[in-house]
Amino acid sequence: MILSTIVILFVLVLSINYTLTFALDNSATLSNSTGITNQGFSDEKIRLEQFSNFVTSKLNETISTLQVASENHILNNFDYKANVSEVLHGLPNDMEKSKRDFLSDIIKSNPDIASIFLVLPNGNIYLGEPFSDQKQLPRLNFADREWYKGVNLKDGLYVSTVFSSAAINAPAIAVAIPIINSQSNGTSIQYNGVQSDKAGYLVAIMDFNYTRELLFKYSDNTNDTFNLVDRNGTELINSNNSTYSTDLKSFYYKSIINSDKNLKTIKKYEFNDEQGTKFIYLMPVTITGNTWYMVMISPR
């Protein structure tokens, strides 16, 4: 009954084609606090795979949308850089209306995106949607952020680890994509001391709150808890949380990730602690070149 309910959940909630390559080694040593055990776990593997497919499909769908958007002529040129305000942390709300409407439509059709920003080559905010998120930012420049450094280093799409977003004051990841300046003709243009052939960057702040709410809504159908954890052991999704956390939170069983950095397969662990005995199923997944962890926690 549990398995069939989970299958129905993921099929109905998301009908999108996906491809996910993973490996499973049932003969792997299973670490636990009381000894070493070998045991098959095919049903658990299926449930964890379904969760992984659900989340990665949502992320990949959003990335594809953003990549297409970054090539749209509406975003090609940032013509009002002189009007960027230190006080408003970008352009006033009544400027670049076509760009703002374009970004708002992306948010409406991708509810796991909390806000979207156009960022200048030097890291200054050009504009953001919703405007309320832009206006409440603590500063104008974000060149110190991982996503800014990453998108420049890769010179292409970059997905950050989990961080505390200044735009929404909550945990999120950033998807950053370069926007080529249509007027550059392949040559660098200088802006505030920064040489770049790019108009700037399209940066989406994803909190996955919509996905988390869907998972929690159906959590009564299973005793499993699902987590999405980045390579640093920071939690982005926890299906067991009924309220959205505004604080960064380390995965409770972070020690597993720290001890198995080179993990390539699904692995099962047994833990005995103050929360009782639980089975932890850990699945590494590569997303845009970086390792993330899909986790399922099941009571014994």
C-alpha atoms as a PDB file:
ATOM      1  CA  MET A   1       0.000   0.000   0.000  1.00  0.00           C
ATOM      2  CA  ILE A   2       2.818   2.409   0.897  1.00  0.00           C
ATOM      3  CA  LEU A   3       4.645   1.729  -2.356  1.00  0.00           C
ATOM      4  CA  SER A   4       1.552   2.169  -4.525  1.00  0.00           C
ATOM      5  CA  THR A   5       0.680   5.435  -2.785  1.00  0.00           C
ATOM      6  CA  ILE A   6       4.152   6.820  -3.387  1.00  0.00           C
ATOM      7  CA  VAL A   7       4.017   5.832  -7.054  1.00  0.00           C
ATOM      8  CA  ILE A   8       0.666   7.583  -7.465  1.00  0.00           C
ATOM      9  CA  LEU A   9       2.039  10.705  -5.758  1.00  0.00           C
ATOM     10  CA  PHE A  10       5.004  11.147  -8.036  1.00  0.00           C
ATOM     11  CA  VAL A  11       3.209  10.208 -11.245  1.00  0.00           C
ATOM     12  CA  LEU A  12       0.275  12.550 -10.646  1.00  0.00           C
ATOM     13  CA  VAL A  13       2.200  15.488  -9.258  1.00  0.00           C
ATOM     14  CA  LEU A  14       4.711  15.599 -12.092  1.00  0.00           C
ATOM     15  CA  SER A  15       4.240  14.185 -15.586  1.00  0.00           C
ATOM     16  CA  ILE A  16       7.566  15.010 -17.155  1.00  0.00           C
ATOM     17  CA  ASN A  17      10.048  12.808 -18.926  1.00  0.00           C
ATOM     18  CA  TYR A  18      13.332  12.436 -17.132  1.00  0.00           C
ATOM     19  CA  THR A  19      16.532  10.505 -17.312  1.00  0.00           C
ATOM     20  CA  LEU A  20      18.498   9.661 -14.206  1.00  0.00           C
ATOM     21  CA  THR A  21      21.452   7.365 -14.101  1.00  0.00           C
ATOM     22  CA  PHE A  22      22.228   5.742 -10.778  1.00  0.00           C
ATOM     23  CA  ALA A  23      24.039   2.717  -9.424  1.00  0.00           C
ATOM     24  CA  LEU A  24      23.029   0.299  -6.708  1.00  0.00           C
ATOM     25  CA  ASP A  25      25.254  -2.209  -4.961  1.00  0.00           C
ATOM     26  CA  ASN A  26      23.241  -4.414  -2.605  1.00  0.00           C
ATOM     27  CA  SER A  27      26.394  -6.143  -1.423  1.00  0.00           C
ATOM     28  CA  ALA A  28      27.889  -2.912  -0.074  1.00  0.00           C
ATOM     29  CA  THR A  29      28.830  -2.814   3.586  1.00  0.00           C
ATOM     30  CA  LEU A  30      26.114  -1.111   5.586  1.00  0.00           C
ATOM     31  CA  SER A  31      27.473   1.034   8.379  1.00  0.00           C
ATOM     32  CA  ASN A  32      25.581   1.236  11.657  1.00  0.00           C
ATOM     33  CA  SER A  33      26.113   2.010  15.301  1.00  0.00           C
ATOM     34  CA  THR A  34      25.891  -1.580  16.537  1.00  0.00           C
ATOM     35  CA  GLY A  35      27.676  -3.662  13.919  1.00  0.00           C
ATOM     36  CA  ILE A  36      27.875  -4.403  10.193  1.00  0.00           C
ATOM     37  CA  THR A  37      24.989  -5.835   8.189  1.00  0.00           C
ATOM     38  CA  ASN A  38      24.337  -6.799   4.569  1.00  0.00           C
ATOM     39  CA  GLN A  39      20.747  -6.612   3.423  1.00  0.00           C
ATOM     40  CA  GLY A  40      18.835  -5.980   0.166  1.00  0.00           C
ATOM     41  CA  PHE A  41      16.528  -2.953   0.045  1.00  0.00           C
ATOM     42  CA  SER A  42      14.760  -2.943  -3.332  1.00  0.00           C
ATOM     43  CA  ASP A  43      11.505  -1.305  -2.123  1.00  0.00           C
ATOM     44  CA  GLU A  44      13.378   1.473  -0.368  1.00  0.00           C
ATOM     45  CA  LYS A  45      15.541   1.964  -3.456  1.00  0.00           C
ATOM     46  CA  ILE A  46      12.421   2.498  -5.557  1.00  0.00           C
ATOM     47  CA  ARG A  47      10.964   5.069  -3.157  1.00  0.00           C
ATOM     48  CA  LEU A  48      14.247   6.974  -2.937  1.00  0.00           C
ATOM     49  CA  GLU A  49      14.662   6.882  -6.706  1.00  0.00           C
ATOM     50  CA  GLN A  50      11.153   8.302  -7.152  1.00  0.00           C
ATOM     51  CA  PHE A  51      11.928  11.155  -4.775  1.00  0.00           C
ATOM     52  CA  SER A  52      15.206  11.835  -6.586  1.00  0.00           C
ATOM     53  CA  ASN A  53      13.515  11.843  -9.985  1.00  0.00           C
ATOM     54  CA  PHE A  54      10.800  14.157  -8.724  1.00  0.00           C
ATOM     55  CA  VAL A  55      13.240  16.749  -7.359  1.00  0.00           C
ATOM     56  CA  THR A  56      15.839  16.596 -10.134  1.00  0.00           C
ATOM     57  CA  SER A  57      13.128  16.840 -12.775  1.00  0.00           C
ATOM     58  CA  LYS A  58      11.733  19.959 -11.114  1.00  0.00           C
ATOM     59  CA  LEU A  59      15.215  21.494 -10.978  1.00  0.00           C
ATOM     60  CA  ASN A  60      16.134  20.526 -14.546  1.00  0.00           C
ATOM     61  CA  GLU A  61      12.840  21.876 -15.850  1.00  0.00           C
ATOM     62  CA  THR A  62      13.502  25.206 -14.135  1.00  0.00           C
ATOM     63  CA  ILE A  63      17.090  25.336 -15.403  1.00  0.00           C
ATOM     64  CA  SER A  64      15.879  24.753 -18.968  1.00  0.00           C
ATOM     65  CA  THR A  65      13.352  27.569 -18.594  1.00  0.00           C
ATOM     66  CA  LEU A  66      16.042  29.940 -17.320  1.00  0.00           C
ATOM     67  CA  GLN A  67      18.479  29.012 -20.085  1.00  0.00           C
ATOM     68  CA  VAL A  68      15.874  29.797 -22.724  1.00  0.00           C
ATOM     69  CA  ALA A  69      14.974  33.025 -20.931  1.00  0.00           C
ATOM     70  CA  SER A  70      18.607  34.161 -20.793  1.00  0.00           C
ATOM     71  CA  GLU A  71      18.689  34.159 -24.611  1.00  0.00           C
ATOM     72  CA  ASN A  72      15.509  36.195 -25.005  1.00  0.00           C
ATOM     73  CA  HIS A  73      16.038  39.547 -26.707  1.00  0.00           C
ATOM     74  CA  ILE A  74      14.191  41.292 -23.859  1.00  0.00           C
ATOM     75  CA  LEU A  75      17.163  40.635 -21.578  1.00  0.00           C
ATOM     76  CA  ASN A  76      19.963  41.292 -24.081  1.00  0.00           C
ATOM     77  CA  ASN A  77      20.794  44.859 -23.054  1.00  0.00           C
ATOM     78  CA  PHE A  78      20.922  46.641 -19.731  1.00  0.00           C
ATOM     79  CA  ASP A  79      20.459  50.199 -20.943  1.00  0.00           C
ATOM     80  CA  TYR A  80      19.773  52.023 -17.697  1.00  0.00           C
ATOM     81  CA  LYS A  81      22.845  51.218 -15.615  1.00  0.00           C
ATOM     82  CA  ALA A  82      23.226  54.905 -14.764  1.00  0.00           C
ATOM     83  CA  ASN A  83      19.852  54.784 -12.998  1.00  0.00           C
ATOM     84  CA  VAL A  84      20.776  51.949 -10.638  1.00  0.00           C
ATOM     85  CA  SER A  85      20.084  53.162  -7.104  1.00  0.00           C
ATOM     86  CA  GLU A  86      22.129  52.369  -4.007  1.00  0.00           C
ATOM     87  CA  VAL A  87      19.017  53.037  -1.937  1.00  0.00           C
ATOM     88  CA  LEU A  88      16.684  50.785  -3.963  1.00  0.00           C
ATOM     89  CA  HIS A  89      19.459  48.244  -4.624  1.00  0.00           C
ATOM     90  CA  GLY A  90      18.773  48.411  -8.355  1.00  0.00           C
ATOM     91  CA  LEU A  91      16.454  50.228 -10.730  1.00  0.00           C
ATOM     92  CA  PRO A  92      13.218  51.879  -9.562  1.00  0.00           C
ATOM     93  CA  ASN A  93      10.101  49.762  -9.925  1.00  0.00           C
ATOM     94  CA  ASP A  94       8.773  51.793 -12.877  1.00  0.00           C
ATOM     95  CA  MET A  95      11.856  51.264 -15.053  1.00  0.00           C
ATOM     96  CA  GLU A  96      12.501  48.352 -17.462  1.00  0.00           C
ATOM     97  CA  LYS A  97       8.863  47.315 -17.211  1.00  0.00           C
ATOM     98  CA  SER A  98       9.155  44.736 -20.011  1.00  0.00           C
ATOM     99  CA  LYS A  99      12.010  42.980 -18.205  1.00  0.00           C
ATOM    100  CA  ARG A 100      10.143  42.996 -14.900  1.00  0.00           C
ATOM    101  CA  ASP A 101       7.003  41.550 -16.502  1.00  0.00           C
ATOM    102  CA  PHE A 102       9.088  38.894 -18.244  1.00  0.00           C
ATOM    103  CA  LEU A 103      10.730  37.802 -14.976  1.00  0.00           C
ATOM    104  CA  SER A 104       7.404  37.877 -13.110  1.00  0.00           C
ATOM    105  CA  ASP A 105       5.909  35.487 -15.651  1.00  0.00           C
ATOM    106  CA  ILE A 106       8.801  33.056 -15.078  1.00  0.00           C
ATOM    107  CA  ILE A 107       8.148  33.096 -11.327  1.00  0.00           C
ATOM    108  CA  LYS A 108       4.429  32.504 -11.817  1.00  0.00           C
ATOM    109  CA  SER A 109       5.063  29.445 -13.981  1.00  0.00           C
ATOM    110  CA  ASN A 110       7.844  28.086 -11.740  1.00  0.00           C
ATOM    111  CA  PRO A 111       6.596  28.245  -8.132  1.00  0.00           C
ATOM    112  CA  ASP A 112       9.841  26.859  -6.665  1.00  0.00           C
ATOM    113  CA  ILE A 113      11.494  30.136  -7.731  1.00  0.00           C
ATOM    114  CA  ALA A 114      11.096  32.748  -5.007  1.00  0.00           C
ATOM    115  CA  SER A 115      12.680  35.669  -6.861  1.00  0.00           C
ATOM    116  CA  ILE A 116      14.779  36.490  -9.931  1.00  0.00           C
ATOM    117  CA  PHE A 117      17.470  39.105 -10.426  1.00  0.00           C
ATOM    118  CA  LEU A 118      19.342  40.657 -13.312  1.00  0.00           C
ATOM    119  CA  VAL A 119      22.888  41.271 -12.128  1.00  0.00           C
ATOM    120  CA  LEU A 120      25.526  43.475 -13.770  1.00  0.00           C
ATOM    121  CA  PRO A 121      28.985  42.077 -14.629  1.00  0.00           C
ATOM    122  CA  ASN A 122      30.523  43.631 -11.519  1.00  0.00           C
ATOM    123  CA  GLY A 123      27.989  42.015  -9.174  1.00  0.00           C
ATOM    124  CA  ASN A 124      25.684  45.003  -8.724  1.00  0.00           C
ATOM    125  CA  ILE A 125      21.951  44.319  -8.852  1.00  0.00           C
ATOM    126  CA  TYR A 126      20.303  45.779 -11.965  1.00  0.00           C
ATOM    127  CA  LEU A 127      16.751  44.832 -11.002  1.00  0.00           C
ATOM    128  CA  GLY A 128      14.859  42.100  -9.223  1.00  0.00           C
ATOM    129  CA  GLU A 129      11.381  40.629  -9.113  1.00  0.00           C
ATOM    130  CA  PRO A 130       9.367  40.857  -7.055  1.00  0.00           C
ATOM    131  CA  PHE A 131      10.460  44.439  -6.461  1.00  0.00           C
ATOM    132  CA  SER A 132       9.824  44.058  -2.729  1.00  0.00           C
ATOM    133  CA  ASP A 133      12.642  41.476  -2.592  1.00  0.00           C
ATOM    134  CA  GLN A 134      14.978  43.848  -4.428  1.00  0.00           C
ATOM    135  CA  LYS A 135      14.135  46.831  -2.253  1.00  0.00           C
ATOM    136  CA  GLN A 136      14.727  45.055   1.064  1.00  0.00           C
ATOM    137  CA  LEU A 137      18.197  43.784   0.100  1.00  0.00           C
ATOM    138  CA  PRO A 138      20.914  44.860   2.556  1.00  0.00           C
ATOM    139  CA  ARG A 139      23.266  46.115  -0.194  1.00  0.00           C
ATOM    140  CA  LEU A 140      23.690  46.620  -3.930  1.00  0.00           C
ATOM    141  CA  ASN A 141      26.697  44.431  -4.722  1.00  0.00           C
ATOM    142  CA  PHE A 142      26.850  40.636  -4.344  1.00  0.00           C
ATOM    143  CA  ALA A 143      30.175  39.830  -5.986  1.00  0.00           C
ATOM    144  CA  ASP A 144      31.150  37.956  -2.818  1.00  0.00           C
ATOM    145  CA  ARG A 145      28.459  35.317  -3.316  1.00  0.00           C
ATOM    146  CA  GLU A 146      29.280  31.750  -4.344  1.00  0.00           C
ATOM    147  CA  TRP A 147      26.923  31.946  -7.331  1.00  0.00           C
ATOM    148  CA  TYR A 148      28.685  35.048  -8.694  1.00  0.00           C
ATOM    149  CA  LYS A 149      32.142  33.537  -8.334  1.00  0.00           C
ATOM    150  CA  GLY A 150      30.923  30.212  -9.741  1.00  0.00           C
ATOM    151  CA  VAL A 151      29.229  31.580 -12.849  1.00  0.00           C
ATOM    152  CA  ASN A 152      32.333  33.619 -13.638  1.00  0.00           C
ATOM    153  CA  LEU A 153      34.709  30.718 -13.043  1.00  0.00           C
ATOM    154  CA  LYS A 154      32.665  28.319 -15.191  1.00  0.00           C
ATOM    155  CA  ASP A 155      31.713  31.026 -17.697  1.00  0.00           C
ATOM    156  CA  GLY A 156      28.348  29.306 -17.900  1.00  0.00           C
ATOM    157  CA  LEU A 157      25.460  27.896 -15.874  1.00  0.00           C
ATOM    158  CA  TYR A 158      26.171  27.559 -12.161  1.00  0.00           C
ATOM    159  CA  VAL A 159      23.994  26.080  -9.406  1.00  0.00           C
ATOM    160  CA  SER A 160      25.093  27.108  -5.914  1.00  0.00           C
ATOM    161  CA  THR A 161      25.028  25.182  -2.676  1.00  0.00           C
ATOM    162  CA  VAL A 162      22.414  26.080  -0.063  1.00  0.00           C
ATOM    163  CA  PHE A 163      22.854  29.541   1.446  1.00  0.00           C
ATOM    164  CA  SER A 164      20.863  32.103   3.388  1.00  0.00           C
ATOM    165  CA  SER A 165      19.401  34.299   0.668  1.00  0.00           C
ATOM    166  CA  ALA A 166      19.321  38.028   1.338  1.00  0.00           C
ATOM    167  CA  ALA A 167      16.438  38.300  -1.134  1.00  0.00           C
ATOM    168  CA  ILE A 168      14.020  36.093   0.798  1.00  0.00           C
ATOM    169  CA  ASN A 169      15.804  35.817   4.177  1.00  0.00           C
ATOM    170  CA  ALA A 170      15.613  32.026   4.042  1.00  0.00           C
ATOM    171  CA  PRO A 171      17.625  29.037   2.776  1.00  0.00           C
ATOM    172  CA  ALA A 172      17.791  28.731  -1.012  1.00  0.00           C
ATOM    173  CA  ILE A 173      20.002  27.877  -3.950  1.00  0.00           C
ATOM    174  CA  ALA A 174      20.895  30.240  -6.780  1.00  0.00           C
ATOM    175  CA  VAL A 175      20.854  29.304 -10.448  1.00  0.00           C
ATOM    176  CA  ALA A 176      23.062  31.795 -12.306  1.00  0.00           C
ATOM    177  CA  ILE A 177      23.298  32.054 -16.099  1.00  0.00           C
ATOM    178  CA  PRO A 178      25.296  34.564 -18.197  1.00  0.00           C
ATOM    179  CA  ILE A 179      23.417  36.911 -20.527  1.00  0.00           C
ATOM    180  CA  ILE A 180      25.407  37.807 -23.640  1.00  0.00           C
ATOM    181  CA  ASN A 181      25.358  41.486 -24.594  1.00  0.00           C
ATOM    182  CA  SER A 182      23.934  41.783 -28.113  1.00  0.00           C
ATOM    183  CA  GLN A 183      25.981  44.963 -28.643  1.00  0.00           C
ATOM    184  CA  SER A 184      29.347  43.465 -27.684  1.00  0.00           C
ATOM    185  CA  ASN A 185      30.013  41.610 -30.979  1.00  0.00           C
ATOM    186  CA  GLY A 186      32.193  39.173 -29.034  1.00  0.00           C
ATOM    187  CA  THR A 187      34.388  41.910 -27.563  1.00  0.00           C
ATOM    188  CA  SER A 188      34.683  42.928 -23.935  1.00  0.00           C
ATOM    189  CA  ILE A 189      32.888  45.967 -22.604  1.00  0.00           C
ATOM    190  CA  GLN A 190      34.060  47.754 -19.476  1.00  0.00           C
ATOM    191  CA  TYR A 191      31.632  48.598 -16.696  1.00  0.00           C
ATOM    192  CA  ASN A 192      32.841  49.997 -13.382  1.00  0.00           C
ATOM    193  CA  GLY A 193      36.283  48.500 -13.875  1.00  0.00           C
ATOM    194  CA  VAL A 194      35.025  45.052 -14.969  1.00  0.00           C
ATOM    195  CA  GLN A 195      35.745  43.814 -18.506  1.00  0.00           C
ATOM    196  CA  SER A 196      33.064  41.485 -19.839  1.00  0.00           C
ATOM    197  CA  ASP A 197      31.359  40.448 -23.076  1.00  0.00           C
ATOM    198  CA  LYS A 198      28.216  39.821 -21.029  1.00  0.00           C
ATOM    199  CA  ALA A 199      25.337  42.159 -20.354  1.00  0.00           C
ATOM    200  CA  GLY A 200      25.141  40.524 -16.947  1.00  0.00           C
ATOM    201  CA  TYR A 201      23.602  37.487 -15.302  1.00  0.00           C
ATOM    202  CA  LEU A 202      20.176  36.002 -14.799  1.00  0.00           C
ATOM    203  CA  VAL A 203      20.018  34.726 -11.214  1.00  0.00           C
ATOM    204  CA  ALA A 204      17.051  32.748  -9.878  1.00  0.00           C
ATOM    205  CA  ILE A 205      16.644  32.199  -6.147  1.00  0.00           C
ATOM    206  CA  MET A 206      15.034  28.786  -5.623  1.00  0.00           C
ATOM    207  CA  ASP A 207      13.663  27.840  -2.216  1.00  0.00           C
ATOM    208  CA  PHE A 208      11.782  24.681  -3.344  1.00  0.00           C
ATOM    209  CA  ASN A 209       9.002  25.684  -0.959  1.00  0.00           C
ATOM    210  CA  TYR A 210       6.297  24.545  -3.374  1.00  0.00           C
ATOM    211  CA  THR A 211       7.876  21.103  -3.751  1.00  0.00           C
ATOM    212  CA  ARG A 212       8.345  20.792   0.004  1.00  0.00           C
ATOM    213  CA  GLU A 213       4.672  21.612   0.579  1.00  0.00           C
ATOM    214  CA  LEU A 214       3.621  18.959  -1.932  1.00  0.00           C
ATOM    215  CA  LEU A 215       5.784  16.371  -0.216  1.00  0.00           C
ATOM    216  CA  PHE A 216       4.494  17.305   3.231  1.00  0.00           C
ATOM    217  CA  LYS A 217       0.875  17.257   2.019  1.00  0.00           C
ATOM    218  CA  TYR A 218       1.233  13.620   1.080  1.00  0.00           C
ATOM    219  CA  SER A 219       3.547  12.613   3.935  1.00  0.00           C
ATOM    220  CA  ASP A 220       0.652  11.072   5.860  1.00  0.00           C
ATOM    221  CA  ASN A 221       0.703   8.251   3.318  1.00  0.00           C
ATOM    222  CA  THR A 222       4.147   7.068   4.376  1.00  0.00           C
ATOM    223  CA  ASN A 223       6.393   7.018   7.415  1.00  0.00           C
ATOM    224  CA  ASP A 224       9.382   8.021   5.285  1.00  0.00           C
ATOM    225  CA  THR A 225      11.046  11.420   5.493  1.00  0.00           C
ATOM    226  CA  PHE A 226      12.802  12.763   2.393  1.00  0.00           C
ATOM    227  CA  ASN A 227      15.665  15.247   2.404  1.00  0.00           C
ATOM    228  CA  LEU A 228      17.631  17.115  -0.244  1.00  0.00           C
ATOM    229  CA  VAL A 229      21.119  17.898   1.091  1.00  0.00           C
ATOM    230  CA  ASP A 230      23.999  19.715  -0.602  1.00  0.00           C
ATOM    231  CA  ARG A 231      27.640  18.602  -0.600  1.00  0.00           C
ATOM    232  CA  ASN A 232      28.293  20.627   2.559  1.00  0.00           C
ATOM    233  CA  GLY A 233      25.612  18.742   4.465  1.00  0.00           C
ATOM    234  CA  THR A 234      23.141  21.662   4.461  1.00  0.00           C
ATOM    235  CA  GLU A 235      19.477  20.775   4.121  1.00  0.00           C
ATOM    236  CA  LEU A 236      17.249  22.400   1.496  1.00  0.00           C
ATOM    237  CA  ILE A 237      14.191  20.114   1.550  1.00  0.00           C
ATOM    238  CA  ASN A 238      12.780  18.214   4.513  1.00  0.00           C
ATOM    239  CA  SER A 239       9.409  16.612   3.788  1.00  0.00           C
ATOM    240  CA  ASN A 240       8.732  16.249   7.500  1.00  0.00           C
ATOM    241  CA  ASN A 241       8.610  19.997   8.160  1.00  0.00           C
ATOM    242  CA  SER A 242       5.128  21.503   8.222  1.00  0.00           C
ATOM    243  CA  THR A 243       6.482  25.056   8.323  1.00  0.00           C
ATOM    244  CA  TYR A 244       9.071  26.708   6.116  1.00  0.00           C
ATOM    245  CA  SER A 245      12.321  27.271   7.985  1.00  0.00           C
ATOM    246  CA  THR A 246      14.021  30.655   7.665  1.00  0.00           C
ATOM    247  CA  ASP A 247      17.275  29.363   9.147  1.00  0.00           C
ATOM    248  CA  LEU A 248      20.051  27.357   7.558  1.00  0.00           C
ATOM    249  CA  LYS A 249      19.971  23.851   8.945  1.00  0.00           C
ATOM    250  CA  SER A 250      22.589  21.129   8.788  1.00  0.00           C
ATOM    251  CA  PHE A 251      21.309  17.661   7.981  1.00  0.00           C
ATOM    252  CA  TYR A 252      20.855  15.823  11.291  1.00  0.00           C
ATOM    253  CA  TYR A 253      22.866  12.826  10.066  1.00  0.00           C
ATOM    254  CA  LYS A 254      25.520  14.967   8.389  1.00  0.00           C
ATOM    255  CA  SER A 255      28.239  12.635   9.669  1.00  0.00           C
ATOM    256  CA  ILE A 256      27.183  10.110   7.003  1.00  0.00           C
ATOM    257  CA  ILE A 257      27.969  12.545   4.194  1.00  0.00           C
ATOM    258  CA  ASN A 258      31.249  13.586   5.785  1.00  0.00           C
ATOM    259  CA  SER A 259      32.353   9.958   6.092  1.00  0.00           C
ATOM    260  CA  ASP A 260      31.350   8.952   2.543  1.00  0.00           C
ATOM    261  CA  LYS A 261      32.419  11.856   0.315  1.00  0.00           C
ATOM    262  CA  ASN A 262      33.309   9.432  -2.491  1.00  0.00           C
ATOM    263  CA  LEU A 263      30.053   7.503  -2.322  1.00  0.00           C
ATOM    264  CA  LYS A 264      28.877   6.452  -5.797  1.00  0.00           C
ATOM    265  CA  THR A 265      25.975   4.137  -4.988  1.00  0.00           C
ATOM    266  CA  ILE A 266      22.850   4.024  -2.852  1.00  0.00           C
ATOM    267  CA  LYS A 267      23.860   3.030   0.652  1.00  0.00           C
ATOM    268  CA  LYS A 268      21.906   2.036   3.727  1.00  0.00           C
ATOM    269  CA  TYR A 269      22.810   2.935   7.320  1.00  0.00           C
ATOM    270  CA  GLU A 270      21.266   2.021  10.648  1.00  0.00           C
ATOM    271  CA  PHE A 271      21.349   4.640  13.389  1.00  0.00           C
ATOM    272  CA  ASN A 272      20.536   4.357  17.072  1.00  0.00           C
ATOM    273  CA  ASP A 273      20.374   7.682  18.873  1.00  0.00           C
ATOM    274  CA  GLU A 274      18.105   9.731  21.116  1.00  0.00           C
ATOM    275  CA  GLN A 275      15.549   9.839  18.299  1.00  0.00           C
ATOM    276  CA  GLY A 276      15.356   6.046  18.198  1.00  0.00           C
ATOM    277  CA  THR A 277      16.449   3.501  15.608  1.00  0.00           C
ATOM    278  CA  LYS A 278      16.215   4.566  11.971  1.00  0.00           C
ATOM    279  CA  PHE A 279      17.373   3.377   8.577  1.00  0.00           C
ATOM    280  CA  ILE A 280      19.041   6.080   6.466  1.00  0.00           C
ATOM    281  CA  TYR A 281      19.219   5.597   2.700  1.00  0.00           C
ATOM    282  CA  LEU A 282      21.699   7.892   0.958  1.00  0.00           C
ATOM    283  CA  MET A 283      21.803   8.452  -2.810  1.00  0.00           C
ATOM    284  CA  PRO A 284      24.411  10.740  -4.447  1.00  0.00           C
ATOM    285  CA  VAL A 285      23.220  12.621  -7.537  1.00  0.00           C
ATOM    286  CA  THR A 286      25.275  14.855  -9.819  1.00  0.00           C
ATOM    287  CA  ILE A 287      23.567  18.120 -10.734  1.00  0.00           C
ATOM    288  CA  THR A 288      25.440  20.454 -13.110  1.00  0.00           C
ATOM    289  CA  GLY A 289      28.753  18.944 -12.072  1.00  0.00           C
ATOM    290  CA  ASN A 290      28.216  19.034  -8.306  1.00  0.00           C
ATOM    291  CA  THR A 291      27.204  16.262  -5.926  1.00  0.00           C
ATOM    292  CA  TRP A 292      23.906  16.455  -4.036  1.00  0.00           C
ATOM    293  CA  TYR A 293      22.406  13.854  -1.741  1.00  0.00           C
ATOM    294  CA  MET A 294      18.905  12.450  -1.835  1.00  0.00           C
ATOM    295  CA  VAL A 295      18.081  10.993   1.544  1.00  0.00           C
ATOM    296  CA  MET A 296      15.236   8.825   2.809  1.00  0.00           C
ATOM    297  CA  ILE A 297      14.786   8.184   6.523  1.00  0.00           C
ATOM    298  CA  SER A 298      12.591   5.278   7.548  1.00  0.00           C
ATOM    299  CA  PRO A 299      11.679   4.124  11.058  1.00  0.00           C
ATOM    300  CA  ARG A 300      12.778   0.598  11.882  1.00  0.00           C
END
